[in-house]
Amino acid sequence: MSVTIKVDGLTEREVLKLDYSLYQEVDVEGRPSAITRGGQINVMVKSLNDGNTDFLEWVCDPYITKGGSLEFEKRDGTNMKTLKFDDAYLTKYEEVYDSIDENLQHEIFTISAKKLDIGGTFHENHWAD
């Protein structure tokens, strides 16, 4: 299995690690007590060997939103699932070099998305304008 991230106007990257979640607050009895929230996607990608700074540039501009997708492929190359995001900010960026790690250099970032489509299941955060 493999995952690829594609972001509008940026170079496509291979994903090494990924997590995202949606949640609901609950009351003392365990029942949902608020709307579903989520949309933060944490991603680790291989750094490119060409000095690419796409994600660094995105995090440095707090007004830029982008759309994109994370495409999950089975080992045979067919699509398993697609996570699409829209109206998204890059809220955290980190670049790591580790001579012990086989990947040596990688980038870690957090995408905060207003809209998600996870394999046809939709979620929209209701942000103030």
Protein backbone atom coordinates (compact mmCIF):
# COMPACT_ATOMS: atom_id res chain seq x y z
CA MET A 1 0.00 0.00 0.00
CA SER A 2 1.15 3.55 -0.65
CA VAL A 3 -0.19 7.07 -0.20
CA THR A 4 0.49 10.12 -2.37
CA ILE A 5 -0.34 13.73 -1.50
CA LYS A 6 -1.37 16.11 -4.26
CA VAL A 7 -1.88 19.81 -3.42
CA ASP A 8 -2.98 22.52 -5.87
CA GLY A 9 0.12 24.12 -7.41
CA LEU A 10 2.63 22.01 -5.43
CA THR A 11 4.81 19.06 -6.38
CA GLU A 12 3.22 15.65 -5.77
CA ARG A 13 4.89 13.79 -2.89
CA GLU A 14 5.13 10.27 -1.50
CA VAL A 15 3.69 10.03 2.03
CA LEU A 16 5.69 8.19 4.69
CA LYS A 17 3.26 8.68 7.56
CA LEU A 18 -0.25 10.09 7.89
CA ASP A 19 -2.95 10.55 10.50
CA TYR A 20 -6.22 12.43 10.75
CA SER A 21 -9.25 12.24 13.00
CA LEU A 22 -12.77 13.50 13.51
CA TYR A 23 -14.36 13.72 16.93
CA GLN A 24 -17.41 14.76 18.94
CA GLU A 25 -17.39 16.11 22.48
CA VAL A 26 -19.44 13.97 24.84
CA ASP A 27 -21.42 14.66 28.01
CA VAL A 28 -20.89 12.89 31.34
CA GLU A 29 -23.00 9.97 30.12
CA GLY A 30 -20.97 9.51 26.95
CA ARG A 31 -23.52 10.93 24.50
CA PRO A 32 -22.39 13.37 21.81
CA SER A 33 -22.86 16.94 23.06
CA ALA A 34 -21.44 18.98 20.17
CA ILE A 35 -21.04 18.94 16.42
CA THR A 36 -18.38 16.79 14.77
CA ARG A 37 -15.05 18.56 14.53
CA GLY A 38 -11.84 17.65 12.78
CA GLY A 39 -10.03 18.30 9.56
CA GLN A 40 -6.45 18.39 10.80
CA ILE A 41 -4.28 16.10 8.74
CA ASN A 42 -0.74 15.32 9.93
CA VAL A 43 1.58 14.25 7.13
CA MET A 44 5.21 13.18 6.80
CA VAL A 45 6.73 13.18 3.30
CA LYS A 46 10.15 12.46 1.85
CA SER A 47 12.12 15.62 1.20
CA LEU A 48 13.00 16.16 -2.42
CA ASN A 49 16.64 16.41 -3.47
CA ASP A 50 16.06 19.60 -5.47
CA GLY A 51 15.68 22.16 -2.65
CA ASN A 52 11.89 22.27 -3.06
CA THR A 53 10.28 24.67 -0.51
CA ASP A 54 6.59 24.34 -1.53
CA PHE A 55 5.26 23.44 1.92
CA LEU A 56 7.52 25.95 3.70
CA GLU A 57 6.19 28.73 1.45
CA TRP A 58 2.59 27.66 2.15
CA VAL A 59 3.00 27.74 5.95
CA CYS A 60 4.63 31.20 5.76
CA ASP A 61 1.51 32.75 4.20
CA PRO A 62 -1.40 32.68 6.71
CA TYR A 63 -3.91 33.83 4.06
CA ILE A 64 -3.40 31.13 1.43
CA THR A 65 -5.79 28.19 1.32
CA LYS A 66 -5.36 25.23 -0.97
CA GLY A 67 -7.18 22.11 -1.99
CA GLY A 68 -5.77 18.69 -2.59
CA SER A 69 -6.01 15.00 -1.95
CA LEU A 70 -4.35 12.02 -0.34
CA GLU A 71 -4.64 8.99 -2.58
CA PHE A 72 -4.42 5.56 -0.98
CA GLU A 73 -3.32 2.86 -3.44
CA LYS A 74 -3.38 -0.88 -3.02
CA ARG A 75 -0.25 -2.89 -3.77
CA ASP A 76 -1.59 -3.68 -7.25
CA GLY A 77 -1.77 0.07 -8.04
CA THR A 78 -5.55 0.40 -7.90
CA ASN A 79 -7.20 3.12 -5.85
CA MET A 80 -8.38 2.05 -2.41
CA LYS A 81 -9.60 5.40 -1.07
CA THR A 82 -9.16 9.14 -1.62
CA LEU A 83 -9.23 11.79 1.07
CA LYS A 84 -9.95 15.17 -0.53
CA PHE A 85 -9.53 18.46 1.33
CA ASP A 86 -10.51 22.01 0.42
CA ASP A 87 -10.13 25.52 1.88
CA ALA A 88 -7.10 24.26 3.79
CA TYR A 89 -4.31 26.10 5.58
CA LEU A 90 -0.88 24.74 6.41
CA THR A 91 -0.64 25.38 10.16
CA LYS A 92 2.59 23.60 11.08
CA TYR A 93 5.79 22.75 9.21
CA GLU A 94 8.96 20.98 10.27
CA GLU A 95 11.92 19.60 8.35
CA VAL A 96 14.01 16.83 9.91
CA TYR A 97 17.40 15.43 8.99
CA ASP A 98 18.42 12.15 10.61
CA SER A 99 21.53 10.33 9.37
CA ILE A 100 20.37 7.13 11.11
CA ASP A 101 16.96 7.04 9.37
CA GLU A 102 16.95 5.38 5.92
CA ASN A 103 14.96 8.35 4.53
CA LEU A 104 17.59 10.81 5.89
CA GLN A 105 15.50 13.92 5.39
CA HIS A 106 11.76 14.40 5.59
CA GLU A 107 9.14 17.09 6.11
CA ILE A 108 6.31 16.95 8.63
CA PHE A 109 3.32 19.28 8.42
CA THR A 110 -0.27 19.79 9.51
CA ILE A 111 -3.04 20.71 7.10
CA SER A 112 -6.14 22.27 8.67
CA ALA A 113 -9.03 21.85 6.23
CA LYS A 114 -12.48 23.39 6.26
CA LYS A 115 -13.91 20.68 4.00
CA LEU A 116 -13.15 16.96 3.83
CA ASP A 117 -14.41 14.22 1.53
CA ILE A 118 -13.18 10.85 2.76
CA GLY A 119 -14.19 8.21 0.25
CA GLY A 120 -17.56 9.92 -0.31
CA THR A 121 -18.23 10.79 3.35
CA PHE A 122 -18.30 14.57 3.75
CA HIS A 123 -17.42 16.81 6.69
CA GLU A 124 -17.33 20.61 6.83
CA ASN A 125 -16.03 22.67 9.72
CA HIS A 126 -18.15 25.75 10.38
CA TRP A 127 -15.48 28.42 10.67
CA ALA A 128 -16.31 32.06 11.36
CA ASP A 129 -15.68 34.29 8.33
